[in-house]
């Protein structure tokens, strides 16, 4: 069918089609992400209901995996897992440097009392 005629028919039926200039589309599932780079994305508006169509080949990556490749994501996550205030408290109470306090907290899954006991 002629694309022009198709557009005309869709307009008559009240369907508006718009091409989106998307750079990347990410779909997150329970255990992975589907990443479409350079995907063709079309939005169809039919009687107030918007539908999106994605055409392209996705890259699959594990949920939470970073795409910058520098490896800092895991280090930043680990540092964020133990609050700096907790590290300071353990270091002060046990009389040890903060890096030792952080290691003890990580070993004890963030339990302040257990980390202090471990260091005393």
PDB file of N, CA and C in Angstrom:
ATOM      1  N   UNK A   1       0.838  -1.176   0.000  1.00  0.00           N
ATOM      2  CA  UNK A   1       0.000   0.000   0.000  1.00  0.00           C
ATOM      3  C   UNK A   1       0.890   1.249   0.000  1.00  0.00           C
ATOM      4  N   UNK A   2       0.470   2.255  -0.647  1.00  0.00           N
ATOM      5  CA  UNK A   2       1.182   3.518  -0.755  1.00  0.00           C
ATOM      6  C   UNK A   2       1.265   4.185   0.632  1.00  0.00           C
ATOM      7  N   UNK A   3       2.483   4.560   1.096  1.00  0.00           N
ATOM      8  CA  UNK A   3       2.615   5.166   2.429  1.00  0.00           C
ATOM      9  C   UNK A   3       1.791   6.446   2.581  1.00  0.00           C
ATOM     10  N   UNK A   4       1.687   7.221   1.500  1.00  0.00           N
ATOM     11  CA  UNK A   4       0.905   8.454   1.555  1.00  0.00           C
ATOM     12  C   UNK A   4      -0.577   8.146   1.779  1.00  0.00           C
ATOM     13  N   UNK A   5      -1.071   7.150   1.066  1.00  0.00           N
ATOM     14  CA  UNK A   5      -2.484   6.750   1.201  1.00  0.00           C
ATOM     15  C   UNK A   5      -2.735   6.185   2.604  1.00  0.00           C
ATOM     16  N   UNK A   6      -1.752   5.445   3.109  1.00  0.00           N
ATOM     17  CA  UNK A   6      -1.850   4.866   4.451  1.00  0.00           C
ATOM     18  C   UNK A   6      -1.968   5.979   5.495  1.00  0.00           C
ATOM     19  N   UNK A   7      -1.142   7.020   5.380  1.00  0.00           N
ATOM     20  CA  UNK A   7      -1.208   8.150   6.302  1.00  0.00           C
ATOM     21  C   UNK A   7      -2.557   8.845   6.223  1.00  0.00           C
ATOM     22  N   UNK A   8      -3.056   9.003   5.015  1.00  0.00           N
ATOM     23  CA  UNK A   8      -4.345   9.670   4.807  1.00  0.00           C
ATOM     24  C   UNK A   8      -5.467   8.871   5.475  1.00  0.00           C
ATOM     25  N   UNK A   9      -5.438   7.559   5.314  1.00  0.00           N
ATOM     26  CA  UNK A   9      -6.461   6.699   5.928  1.00  0.00           C
ATOM     27  C   UNK A   9      -6.377   6.761   7.450  1.00  0.00           C
ATOM     28  N   UNK A  10      -5.169   6.737   7.984  1.00  0.00           N
ATOM     29  CA  UNK A  10      -4.987   6.781   9.434  1.00  0.00           C
ATOM     30  C   UNK A  10      -5.495   8.107   9.989  1.00  0.00           C
ATOM     31  N   UNK A  11      -5.247   9.189   9.267  1.00  0.00           N
ATOM     32  CA  UNK A  11      -5.727  10.500   9.699  1.00  0.00           C
ATOM     33  C   UNK A  11      -7.253  10.528   9.722  1.00  0.00           C
ATOM     34  N   UNK A  12      -7.880   9.918   8.723  1.00  0.00           N
ATOM     35  CA  UNK A  12      -9.341   9.853   8.666  1.00  0.00           C
ATOM     36  C   UNK A  12      -9.908   9.074   9.851  1.00  0.00           C
ATOM     37  N   UNK A  13      -9.168   8.064  10.305  1.00  0.00           N
ATOM     38  CA  UNK A  13      -9.623   7.243  11.434  1.00  0.00           C
ATOM     39  C   UNK A  13      -9.259   7.871  12.776  1.00  0.00           C
ATOM     40  N   UNK A  14      -8.613   9.043  12.746  1.00  0.00           N
ATOM     41  CA  UNK A  14      -8.257   9.722  13.995  1.00  0.00           C
ATOM     42  C   UNK A  14      -6.975   9.213  14.619  1.00  0.00           C
ATOM     43  N   UNK A  15      -6.103   8.633  13.815  1.00  0.00           N
ATOM     44  CA  UNK A  15      -4.828   8.117  14.316  1.00  0.00           C
ATOM     45  C   UNK A  15      -3.726   9.052  13.856  1.00  0.00           C
ATOM     46  N   UNK A  16      -2.982   9.601  14.855  1.00  0.00           N
ATOM     47  CA  UNK A  16      -1.877  10.509  14.563  1.00  0.00           C
ATOM     48  C   UNK A  16      -0.572   9.753  14.802  1.00  0.00           C
ATOM     49  N   UNK A  17       0.318   9.736  13.805  1.00  0.00           N
ATOM     50  CA  UNK A  17       1.587   9.023  13.893  1.00  0.00           C
ATOM     51  C   UNK A  17       2.728  10.036  13.872  1.00  0.00           C
ATOM     52  N   UNK A  18       3.643   9.902  14.838  1.00  0.00           N
ATOM     53  CA  UNK A  18       4.782  10.810  14.941  1.00  0.00           C
ATOM     54  C   UNK A  18       6.062   9.993  15.095  1.00  0.00           C
ATOM     55  N   UNK A  19       7.083  10.343  14.305  1.00  0.00           N
ATOM     56  CA  UNK A  19       8.396   9.720  14.447  1.00  0.00           C
ATOM     57  C   UNK A  19       9.150  10.481  15.530  1.00  0.00           C
ATOM     58  N   UNK A  20       9.747   9.765  16.474  1.00  0.00           N
ATOM     59  CA  UNK A  20      10.526  10.389  17.533  1.00  0.00           C
ATOM     60  C   UNK A  20      12.008  10.231  17.238  1.00  0.00           C
ATOM     61  N   UNK A  21      12.774  11.264  17.536  1.00  0.00           N
ATOM     62  CA  UNK A  21      14.223  11.220  17.324  1.00  0.00           C
ATOM     63  C   UNK A  21      14.879  10.721  18.610  1.00  0.00           C
ATOM     64  N   UNK A  22      14.758   9.421  18.874  1.00  0.00           N
ATOM     65  CA  UNK A  22      15.285   8.830  20.108  1.00  0.00           C
ATOM     66  C   UNK A  22      16.737   8.412  19.925  1.00  0.00           C
ATOM     67  N   UNK A  23      17.570   8.739  20.898  1.00  0.00           N
ATOM     68  CA  UNK A  23      18.969   8.326  20.869  1.00  0.00           C
ATOM     69  C   UNK A  23      19.147   6.946  21.479  1.00  0.00           C
ATOM     70  N   UNK A  24      18.340   6.652  22.527  1.00  0.00           N
ATOM     71  CA  UNK A  24      18.454   5.367  23.208  1.00  0.00           C
ATOM     72  C   UNK A  24      17.129   5.063  23.898  1.00  0.00           C
ATOM     73  N   UNK A  25      16.738   3.794  23.883  1.00  0.00           N
ATOM     74  CA  UNK A  25      15.538   3.358  24.581  1.00  0.00           C
ATOM     75  C   UNK A  25      15.961   2.214  25.503  1.00  0.00           C
ATOM     76  N   UNK A  26      15.572   2.305  26.790  1.00  0.00           N
ATOM     77  CA  UNK A  26      15.931   1.274  27.765  1.00  0.00           C
ATOM     78  C   UNK A  26      14.644   0.694  28.339  1.00  0.00           C
ATOM     79  N   UNK A  27      14.528  -0.636  28.271  1.00  0.00           N
ATOM     80  CA  UNK A  27      13.400  -1.342  28.868  1.00  0.00           C
ATOM     81  C   UNK A  27      13.968  -2.176  30.015  1.00  0.00           C
ATOM     82  N   UNK A  28      13.476  -1.925  31.243  1.00  0.00           N
ATOM     83  CA  UNK A  28      13.965  -2.653  32.413  1.00  0.00           C
ATOM     84  C   UNK A  28      12.961  -3.733  32.784  1.00  0.00           C
ATOM     85  N   UNK A  29      13.449  -4.961  32.903  1.00  0.00           N
ATOM     86  CA  UNK A  29      12.629  -6.064  33.391  1.00  0.00           C
ATOM     87  C   UNK A  29      13.118  -6.408  34.792  1.00  0.00           C
ATOM     88  N   UNK A  30      12.601  -7.446  35.385  1.00  0.00           N
ATOM     89  CA  UNK A  30      12.988  -7.817  36.742  1.00  0.00           C
ATOM     90  C   UNK A  30      14.478  -8.154  36.853  1.00  0.00           C
ATOM     91  N   UNK A  31      15.075  -8.741  35.810  1.00  0.00           N
ATOM     92  CA  UNK A  31      16.466  -9.146  35.924  1.00  0.00           C
ATOM     93  C   UNK A  31      17.393  -8.678  34.809  1.00  0.00           C
ATOM     94  N   UNK A  32      16.913  -7.871  33.883  1.00  0.00           N
ATOM     95  CA  UNK A  32      17.807  -7.392  32.834  1.00  0.00           C
ATOM     96  C   UNK A  32      17.291  -6.097  32.227  1.00  0.00           C
ATOM     97  N   UNK A  33      18.154  -5.470  31.449  1.00  0.00           N
ATOM     98  CA  UNK A  33      17.778  -4.281  30.706  1.00  0.00           C
ATOM     99  C   UNK A  33      17.954  -4.561  29.223  1.00  0.00           C
ATOM    100  N   UNK A  34      16.997  -4.125  28.419  1.00  0.00           N
ATOM    101  CA  UNK A  34      17.111  -4.191  26.969  1.00  0.00           C
ATOM    102  C   UNK A  34      17.399  -2.769  26.512  1.00  0.00           C
ATOM    103  N   UNK A  35      18.554  -2.563  25.880  1.00  0.00           N
ATOM    104  CA  UNK A  35      18.982  -1.228  25.477  1.00  0.00           C
ATOM    105  C   UNK A  35      18.990  -1.161  23.953  1.00  0.00           C
ATOM    106  N   UNK A  36      18.160  -0.274  23.422  1.00  0.00           N
ATOM    107  CA  UNK A  36      18.083  -0.053  21.979  1.00  0.00           C
ATOM    108  C   UNK A  36      18.844   1.231  21.675  1.00  0.00           C
ATOM    109  N   UNK A  37      19.953   1.134  20.955  1.00  0.00           N
ATOM    110  CA  UNK A  37      20.680   2.314  20.510  1.00  0.00           C
ATOM    111  C   UNK A  37      20.321   2.547  19.056  1.00  0.00           C
ATOM    112  N   UNK A  38      20.158   3.792  18.690  1.00  0.00           N
ATOM    113  CA  UNK A  38      19.775   4.156  17.317  1.00  0.00           C
ATOM    114  C   UNK A  38      18.499   3.443  16.878  1.00  0.00           C
ATOM    115  N   UNK A  39      17.543   3.377  17.759  1.00  0.00           N
ATOM    116  CA  UNK A  39      16.263   2.721  17.437  1.00  0.00           C
ATOM    117  C   UNK A  39      15.338   3.689  16.711  1.00  0.00           C
ATOM    118  N   UNK A  40      14.470   3.132  15.901  1.00  0.00           N
ATOM    119  CA  UNK A  40      13.432   3.917  15.245  1.00  0.00           C
ATOM    120  C   UNK A  40      12.198   3.823  16.137  1.00  0.00           C
ATOM    121  N   UNK A  41      11.732   4.975  16.641  1.00  0.00           N
ATOM    122  CA  UNK A  41      10.615   4.991  17.568  1.00  0.00           C
ATOM    123  C   UNK A  41       9.460   5.775  16.945  1.00  0.00           C
ATOM    124  N   UNK A  42       8.283   5.167  16.955  1.00  0.00           N
ATOM    125  CA  UNK A  42       7.088   5.781  16.405  1.00  0.00           C
ATOM    126  C   UNK A  42       6.025   5.857  17.496  1.00  0.00           C
ATOM    127  N   UNK A  43       5.395   7.032  17.637  1.00  0.00           N
ATOM    128  CA  UNK A  43       4.303   7.190  18.605  1.00  0.00           C
ATOM    129  C   UNK A  43       3.003   7.304  17.823  1.00  0.00           C
ATOM    130  N   UNK A  44       2.042   6.470  18.171  1.00  0.00           N
ATOM    131  CA  UNK A  44       0.719   6.519  17.536  1.00  0.00           C
ATOM    132  C   UNK A  44      -0.293   6.951  18.591  1.00  0.00           C
ATOM    133  N   UNK A  45      -1.056   7.987  18.271  1.00  0.00           N
ATOM    134  CA  UNK A  45      -2.098   8.475  19.165  1.00  0.00           C
ATOM    135  C   UNK A  45      -3.438   8.174  18.512  1.00  0.00           C
ATOM    136  N   UNK A  46      -4.151   7.218  19.072  1.00  0.00           N
ATOM    137  CA  UNK A  46      -5.449   6.816  18.521  1.00  0.00           C
ATOM    138  C   UNK A  46      -6.505   7.007  19.599  1.00  0.00           C
ATOM    139  N   UNK A  47      -7.335   8.005  19.438  1.00  0.00           N
ATOM    140  CA  UNK A  47      -8.440   8.298  20.344  1.00  0.00           C
ATOM    141  C   UNK A  47      -7.962   8.459  21.788  1.00  0.00           C
ATOM    142  N   UNK A  48      -6.845   9.182  21.962  1.00  0.00           N
ATOM    143  CA  UNK A  48      -6.322   9.455  23.294  1.00  0.00           C
ATOM    144  C   UNK A  48      -5.417   8.382  23.864  1.00  0.00           C
ATOM    145  N   UNK A  49      -5.304   7.258  23.217  1.00  0.00           N
ATOM    146  CA  UNK A  49      -4.441   6.158  23.668  1.00  0.00           C
ATOM    147  C   UNK A  49      -3.125   6.229  22.911  1.00  0.00           C
ATOM    148  N   UNK A  50      -2.011   6.463  23.630  1.00  0.00           N
ATOM    149  CA  UNK A  50      -0.710   6.526  22.980  1.00  0.00           C
ATOM    150  C   UNK A  50      -0.048   5.153  22.983  1.00  0.00           C
ATOM    151  N   UNK A  51       0.496   4.778  21.821  1.00  0.00           N
ATOM    152  CA  UNK A  51       1.211   3.518  21.667  1.00  0.00           C
ATOM    153  C   UNK A  51       2.559   3.820  21.057  1.00  0.00           C
ATOM    154  N   UNK A  52       3.608   3.201  21.595  1.00  0.00           N
ATOM    155  CA  UNK A  52       4.951   3.403  21.075  1.00  0.00           C
ATOM    156  C   UNK A  52       5.434   2.118  20.417  1.00  0.00           C
ATOM    157  N   UNK A  53       6.073   2.274  19.265  1.00  0.00           N
ATOM    158  CA  UNK A  53       6.643   1.139  18.545  1.00  0.00           C
ATOM    159  C   UNK A  53       8.141   1.372  18.438  1.00  0.00           C
ATOM    160  N   UNK A  54       8.931   0.374  18.823  1.00  0.00           N
ATOM    161  CA  UNK A  54      10.385   0.462  18.778  1.00  0.00           C
ATOM    162  C   UNK A  54      10.881  -0.557  17.763  1.00  0.00           C
ATOM    163  N   UNK A  55      11.668  -0.082  16.795  1.00  0.00           N
ATOM    164  CA  UNK A  55      12.245  -0.968  15.799  1.00  0.00           C
ATOM    165  C   UNK A  55      13.763  -0.867  15.920  1.00  0.00           C
ATOM    166  N   UNK A  56      14.408  -1.983  16.182  1.00  0.00           N
ATOM    167  CA  UNK A  56      15.856  -2.008  16.322  1.00  0.00           C
ATOM    168  C   UNK A  56      16.288  -3.284  16.999  1.00  0.00           C
ATOM    169  N   UNK A  57      17.587  -3.446  17.131  1.00  0.00           N
ATOM    170  CA  UNK A  57      18.164  -4.639  17.745  1.00  0.00           C
ATOM    171  C   UNK A  57      18.667  -4.271  19.138  1.00  0.00           C
ATOM    172  N   UNK A  58      18.097  -4.856  20.215  1.00  0.00           N
ATOM    173  CA  UNK A  58      18.521  -4.472  21.563  1.00  0.00           C
ATOM    174  C   UNK A  58      19.799  -5.178  22.000  1.00  0.00           C
ATOM    175  N   UNK A  59      20.508  -4.502  22.886  1.00  0.00           N
ATOM    176  CA  UNK A  59      21.642  -5.103  23.591  1.00  0.00           C
ATOM    177  C   UNK A  59      21.101  -5.481  24.963  1.00  0.00           C
ATOM    178  N   UNK A  60      21.393  -6.675  25.427  1.00  0.00           N
ATOM    179  CA  UNK A  60      20.905  -7.131  26.725  1.00  0.00           C
ATOM    180  C   UNK A  60      22.024  -6.992  27.741  1.00  0.00           C
ATOM    181  N   UNK A  61      21.688  -6.405  28.894  1.00  0.00           N
ATOM    182  CA  UNK A  61      22.675  -6.334  29.967  1.00  0.00           C
ATOM    183  C   UNK A  61      21.973  -6.587  31.293  1.00  0.00           C
ATOM    184  N   UNK A  62      22.762  -7.062  32.265  1.00  0.00           N
ATOM    185  CA  UNK A  62      22.194  -7.373  33.570  1.00  0.00           C
ATOM    186  C   UNK A  62      21.700  -6.089  34.223  1.00  0.00           C
ATOM    187  N   UNK A  63      20.662  -6.200  35.020  1.00  0.00           N
ATOM    188  CA  UNK A  63      20.073  -5.046  35.676  1.00  0.00           C
ATOM    189  C   UNK A  63      21.107  -4.376  36.569  1.00  0.00           C
ATOM    190  N   UNK A  64      21.228  -3.052  36.432  1.00  0.00           N
ATOM    191  CA  UNK A  64      22.167  -2.295  37.251  1.00  0.00           C
ATOM    192  C   UNK A  64      23.564  -2.236  36.691  1.00  0.00           C
ATOM    193  N   UNK A  65      23.841  -2.915  35.577  1.00  0.00           N
ATOM    194  CA  UNK A  65      25.180  -2.868  34.996  1.00  0.00           C
ATOM    195  C   UNK A  65      25.375  -1.513  34.338  1.00  0.00           C
ATOM    196  N   UNK A  66      26.523  -0.897  34.606  1.00  0.00           N
ATOM    197  CA  UNK A  66      26.829   0.407  34.005  1.00  0.00           C
ATOM    198  C   UNK A  66      27.343   0.221  32.600  1.00  0.00           C
ATOM    199  N   UNK A  67      27.284   1.285  31.792  1.00  0.00           N
ATOM    200  CA  UNK A  67      27.741   1.156  30.421  1.00  0.00           C
ATOM    201  C   UNK A  67      28.953   2.017  30.126  1.00  0.00           C
ATOM    202  N   UNK A  68      29.572   2.626  31.191  1.00  0.00           N
ATOM    203  CA  UNK A  68      30.709   3.469  30.912  1.00  0.00           C
ATOM    204  C   UNK A  68      32.028   2.703  30.898  1.00  0.00           C
ATOM    205  N   UNK A  69      32.022   1.490  31.419  1.00  0.00           N
ATOM    206  CA  UNK A  69      33.178   0.614  31.298  1.00  0.00           C
ATOM    207  C   UNK A  69      34.354   0.974  32.177  1.00  0.00           C
ATOM    208  N   UNK A  70      34.227   1.945  33.099  1.00  0.00           N
ATOM    209  CA  UNK A  70      35.374   2.321  33.902  1.00  0.00           C
ATOM    210  C   UNK A  70      35.479   1.550  35.205  1.00  0.00           C
ATOM    211  N   UNK A  71      34.459   0.742  35.541  1.00  0.00           N
ATOM    212  CA  UNK A  71      34.525  -0.107  36.718  1.00  0.00           C
ATOM    213  C   UNK A  71      34.262   0.627  38.023  1.00  0.00           C
ATOM    214  N   UNK A  72      33.985   1.924  37.998  1.00  0.00           N
ATOM    215  CA  UNK A  72      33.764   2.679  39.217  1.00  0.00           C
ATOM    216  C   UNK A  72      32.381   2.463  39.807  1.00  0.00           C
ATOM    217  N   UNK A  73      31.455   1.904  39.038  1.00  0.00           N
ATOM    218  CA  UNK A  73      30.087   1.725  39.513  1.00  0.00           C
ATOM    219  C   UNK A  73      30.036   0.848  40.755  1.00  0.00           C
ATOM    220  N   UNK A  74      30.777  -0.259  40.776  1.00  0.00           N
ATOM    221  CA  UNK A  74      30.756  -1.158  41.921  1.00  0.00           C
ATOM    222  C   UNK A  74      31.394  -0.501  43.130  1.00  0.00           C
ATOM    223  N   UNK A  75      32.507   0.213  42.930  1.00  0.00           N
ATOM    224  CA  UNK A  75      33.179   0.890  44.032  1.00  0.00           C
ATOM    225  C   UNK A  75      32.277   1.967  44.620  1.00  0.00           C
ATOM    226  N   UNK A  76      31.590   2.715  43.775  1.00  0.00           N
ATOM    227  CA  UNK A  76      30.685   3.755  44.249  1.00  0.00           C
ATOM    228  C   UNK A  76      29.514   3.140  45.001  1.00  0.00           C
ATOM    229  N   UNK A  77      29.001   2.016  44.518  1.00  0.00           N
ATOM    230  CA  UNK A  77      27.902   1.338  45.180  1.00  0.00           C
ATOM    231  C   UNK A  77      28.315   0.863  46.566  1.00  0.00           C
ATOM    232  N   UNK A  78      29.515   0.273  46.682  1.00  0.00           N
ATOM    233  CA  UNK A  78      30.003  -0.222  47.962  1.00  0.00           C
ATOM    234  C   UNK A  78      30.214   0.938  48.936  1.00  0.00           C
ATOM    235  N   UNK A  79      30.752   2.052  48.448  1.00  0.00           N
ATOM    236  CA  UNK A  79      30.977   3.207  49.297  1.00  0.00           C
ATOM    237  C   UNK A  79      29.652   3.789  49.772  1.00  0.00           C
ATOM    238  N   UNK A  80      28.644   3.780  48.924  1.00  0.00           N
ATOM    239  CA  UNK A  80      27.337   4.310  49.287  1.00  0.00           C
ATOM    240  C   UNK A  80      26.596   3.377  50.244  1.00  0.00           C
ATOM    241  N   UNK A  81      26.928   2.093  50.238  1.00  0.00           N
ATOM    242  CA  UNK A  81      26.226   1.123  51.066  1.00  0.00           C
ATOM    243  C   UNK A  81      26.454   1.390  52.553  1.00  0.00           C
ATOM    244  N   UNK A  82      27.637   1.872  52.941  1.00  0.00           N
ATOM    245  CA  UNK A  82      27.959   2.173  54.327  1.00  0.00           C
ATOM    246  C   UNK A  82      28.000   3.695  54.479  1.00  0.00           C
ATOM    247  N   UNK A  83      27.078   4.270  55.233  1.00  0.00           N
ATOM    248  CA  UNK A  83      27.073   5.724  55.408  1.00  0.00           C
ATOM    249  C   UNK A  83      28.347   6.224  56.091  1.00  0.00           C
ATOM    250  N   UNK A  84      28.808   7.384  55.664  1.00  0.00           N
ATOM    251  CA  UNK A  84      30.039   7.971  56.209  1.00  0.00           C
ATOM    252  C   UNK A  84      29.904   8.210  57.716  1.00  0.00           C
ATOM    253  N   UNK A  85      28.707   8.558  58.181  1.00  0.00           N
ATOM    254  CA  UNK A  85      28.496   8.775  59.614  1.00  0.00           C
ATOM    255  C   UNK A  85      28.744   7.495  60.404  1.00  0.00           C
ATOM    256  N   UNK A  86      28.304   6.364  59.868  1.00  0.00           N
ATOM    257  CA  UNK A  86      28.526   5.078  60.535  1.00  0.00           C
ATOM    258  C   UNK A  86      30.015   4.765  60.618  1.00  0.00           C
ATOM    259  N   UNK A  87      30.735   5.039  59.528  1.00  0.00           N
ATOM    260  CA  UNK A  87      32.183   4.797  59.511  1.00  0.00           C
ATOM    261  C   UNK A  87      32.855   5.652  60.579  1.00  0.00           C
ATOM    262  N   UNK A  88      32.474   6.922  60.672  1.00  0.00           N
ATOM    263  CA  UNK A  88      33.065   7.832  61.659  1.00  0.00           C
ATOM    264  C   UNK A  88      32.788   7.363  63.079  1.00  0.00           C
ATOM    265  N   UNK A  89      31.556   6.918  63.345  1.00  0.00           N
ATOM    266  CA  UNK A  89      31.198   6.442  64.688  1.00  0.00           C
ATOM    267  C   UNK A  89      32.036   5.231  65.074  1.00  0.00           C
ATOM    268  N   UNK A  90      32.127   4.259  64.167  1.00  0.00           N
ATOM    269  CA  UNK A  90      32.898   3.039  64.460  1.00  0.00           C
ATOM    270  C   UNK A  90      34.371   3.384  64.645  1.00  0.00           C
ATOM    271  N   UNK A  91      34.909   4.248  63.795  1.00  0.00           N
ATOM    272  CA  UNK A  91      36.319   4.631  63.902  1.00  0.00           C
ATOM    273  C   UNK A  91      36.589   5.309  65.240  1.00  0.00           C
ATOM    274  N   UNK A  92      35.704   6.198  65.672  1.00  0.00           N
ATOM    275  CA  UNK A  92      35.879   6.912  66.932  1.00  0.00           C
ATOM    276  C   UNK A  92      35.765   5.973  68.127  1.00  0.00           C
ATOM    277  N   UNK A  93      34.724   5.132  68.131  1.00  0.00           N
ATOM    278  CA  UNK A  93      34.493   4.233  69.274  1.00  0.00           C
ATOM    279  C   UNK A  93      35.590   3.177  69.406  1.00  0.00           C
ATOM    280  N   UNK A  94      36.062   2.666  68.266  1.00  0.00           N
ATOM    281  CA  UNK A  94      37.072   1.607  68.312  1.00  0.00           C
ATOM    282  C   UNK A  94      38.492   2.160  68.303  1.00  0.00           C
ATOM    283  N   UNK A  95      38.633   3.466  68.026  1.00  0.00           N
ATOM    284  CA  UNK A  95      39.963   4.085  68.003  1.00  0.00           C
ATOM    285  C   UNK A  95      40.816   3.599  66.842  1.00  0.00           C
ATOM    286  N   UNK A  96      40.203   3.439  65.665  1.00  0.00           N
ATOM    287  CA  UNK A  96      40.929   2.960  64.482  1.00  0.00           C
ATOM    288  C   UNK A  96      40.726   3.950  63.330  1.00  0.00           C
ATOM    289  N   UNK A  97      41.570   3.873  62.303  1.00  0.00           N
ATOM    290  CA  UNK A  97      41.368   4.727  61.135  1.00  0.00           C
ATOM    291  C   UNK A  97      40.051   4.382  60.420  1.00  0.00           C
ATOM    292  N   UNK A  98      39.540   5.346  59.637  1.00  0.00           N
ATOM    293  CA  UNK A  98      38.252   5.149  58.969  1.00  0.00           C
ATOM    294  C   UNK A  98      38.261   3.999  57.966  1.00  0.00           C
ATOM    295  N   UNK A  99      39.392   3.748  57.283  1.00  0.00           N
ATOM    296  CA  UNK A  99      39.415   2.649  56.315  1.00  0.00           C
ATOM    297  C   UNK A  99      39.239   1.305  57.022  1.00  0.00           C
ATOM    298  N   UNK A 100      39.818   1.158  58.225  1.00  0.00           N
ATOM    299  CA  UNK A 100      39.626  -0.084  58.988  1.00  0.00           C
ATOM    300  C   UNK A 100      38.174  -0.190  59.467  1.00  0.00           C
ATOM    301  N   UNK A 101      37.613   0.938  59.871  1.00  0.00           N
ATOM    302  CA  UNK A 101      36.218   0.954  60.331  1.00  0.00           C
ATOM    303  C   UNK A 101      35.281   0.567  59.185  1.00  0.00           C
ATOM    304  N   UNK A 102      35.548   1.094  57.979  1.00  0.00           N
ATOM    305  CA  UNK A 102      34.718   0.754  56.822  1.00  0.00           C
ATOM    306  C   UNK A 102      34.801  -0.740  56.514  1.00  0.00           C
ATOM    307  N   UNK A 103      36.026  -1.304  56.558  1.00  0.00           N
ATOM    308  CA  UNK A 103      36.197  -2.741  56.296  1.00  0.00           C
ATOM    309  C   UNK A 103      35.413  -3.574  57.304  1.00  0.00           C
ATOM    310  N   UNK A 104      35.472  -3.167  58.576  1.00  0.00           N
ATOM    311  CA  UNK A 104      34.744  -3.903  59.618  1.00  0.00           C
ATOM    312  C   UNK A 104      33.238  -3.804  59.387  1.00  0.00           C
ATOM    313  N   UNK A 105      32.749  -2.615  59.029  1.00  0.00           N
ATOM    314  CA  UNK A 105      31.318  -2.449  58.757  1.00  0.00           C
ATOM    315  C   UNK A 105      30.878  -3.287  57.563  1.00  0.00           C
ATOM    316  N   UNK A 106      31.708  -3.318  56.526  1.00  0.00           N
ATOM    317  CA  UNK A 106      31.366  -4.132  55.351  1.00  0.00           C
ATOM    318  C   UNK A 106      31.346  -5.613  55.713  1.00  0.00           C
ATOM    319  N   UNK A 107      32.291  -6.042  56.532  1.00  0.00           N
ATOM    320  CA  UNK A 107      32.345  -7.446  56.948  1.00  0.00           C
ATOM    321  C   UNK A 107      31.139  -7.820  57.805  1.00  0.00           C
ATOM    322  N   UNK A 108      30.622  -6.849  58.549  1.00  0.00           N
ATOM    323  CA  UNK A 108      29.481  -7.098  59.442  1.00  0.00           C
ATOM    324  C   UNK A 108      28.166  -6.616  58.836  1.00  0.00           C
ATOM    325  N   UNK A 109      28.135  -6.393  57.523  1.00  0.00           N
ATOM    326  CA  UNK A 109      26.934  -5.963  56.801  1.00  0.00           C
ATOM    327  C   UNK A 109      26.305  -4.700  57.391  1.00  0.00           C
ATOM    328  N   UNK A 110      27.157  -3.749  57.820  1.00  0.00           N
ATOM    329  CA  UNK A 110      26.669  -2.460  58.292  1.00  0.00           C
ATOM    330  C   UNK A 110      26.244  -2.429  59.747  1.00  0.00           C
ATOM    331  N   UNK A 111      26.423  -3.515  60.488  1.00  0.00           N
ATOM    332  CA  UNK A 111      26.037  -3.575  61.902  1.00  0.00           C
ATOM    333  C   UNK A 111      27.097  -2.850  62.732  1.00  0.00           C
ATOM    334  N   UNK A 112      26.744  -1.675  63.270  1.00  0.00           N
ATOM    335  CA  UNK A 112      27.702  -0.858  64.007  1.00  0.00           C
ATOM    336  C   UNK A 112      28.275  -1.576  65.235  1.00  0.00           C
ATOM    337  N   UNK A 113      27.390  -2.149  66.055  1.00  0.00           N
ATOM    338  CA  UNK A 113      27.848  -2.807  67.277  1.00  0.00           C
ATOM    339  C   UNK A 113      28.783  -3.970  66.965  1.00  0.00           C
ATOM    340  N   UNK A 114      28.440  -4.767  65.965  1.00  0.00           N
ATOM    341  CA  UNK A 114      29.292  -5.905  65.602  1.00  0.00           C
ATOM    342  C   UNK A 114      30.625  -5.437  65.051  1.00  0.00           C
ATOM    343  N   UNK A 115      30.624  -4.341  64.290  1.00  0.00           N
ATOM    344  CA  UNK A 115      31.869  -3.822  63.730  1.00  0.00           C
ATOM    345  C   UNK A 115      32.773  -3.301  64.841  1.00  0.00           C
ATOM    346  N   UNK A 116      32.202  -2.612  65.834  1.00  0.00           N
ATOM    347  CA  UNK A 116      32.990  -2.104  66.960  1.00  0.00           C
ATOM    348  C   UNK A 116      33.561  -3.270  67.751  1.00  0.00           C
ATOM    349  N   UNK A 117      32.741  -4.294  68.017  1.00  0.00           N
ATOM    350  CA  UNK A 117      33.212  -5.476  68.751  1.00  0.00           C
ATOM    351  C   UNK A 117      34.337  -6.168  68.013  1.00  0.00           C
ATOM    352  N   UNK A 118      34.231  -6.243  66.711  1.00  0.00           N
ATOM    353  CA  UNK A 118      35.256  -6.877  65.878  1.00  0.00           C
ATOM    354  C   UNK A 118      36.598  -6.151  66.011  1.00  0.00           C
ATOM    355  N   UNK A 119      36.554  -4.837  66.129  1.00  0.00           N
ATOM    356  CA  UNK A 119      37.778  -4.043  66.175  1.00  0.00           C
ATOM    357  C   UNK A 119      38.385  -3.891  67.562  1.00  0.00           C
ATOM    358  N   UNK A 120      37.601  -4.158  68.609  1.00  0.00           N
ATOM    359  CA  UNK A 120      38.115  -3.993  69.988  1.00  0.00           C
ATOM    360  C   UNK A 120      38.857  -5.206  70.470  1.00  0.00           C
TER     361      UNK A 120
END
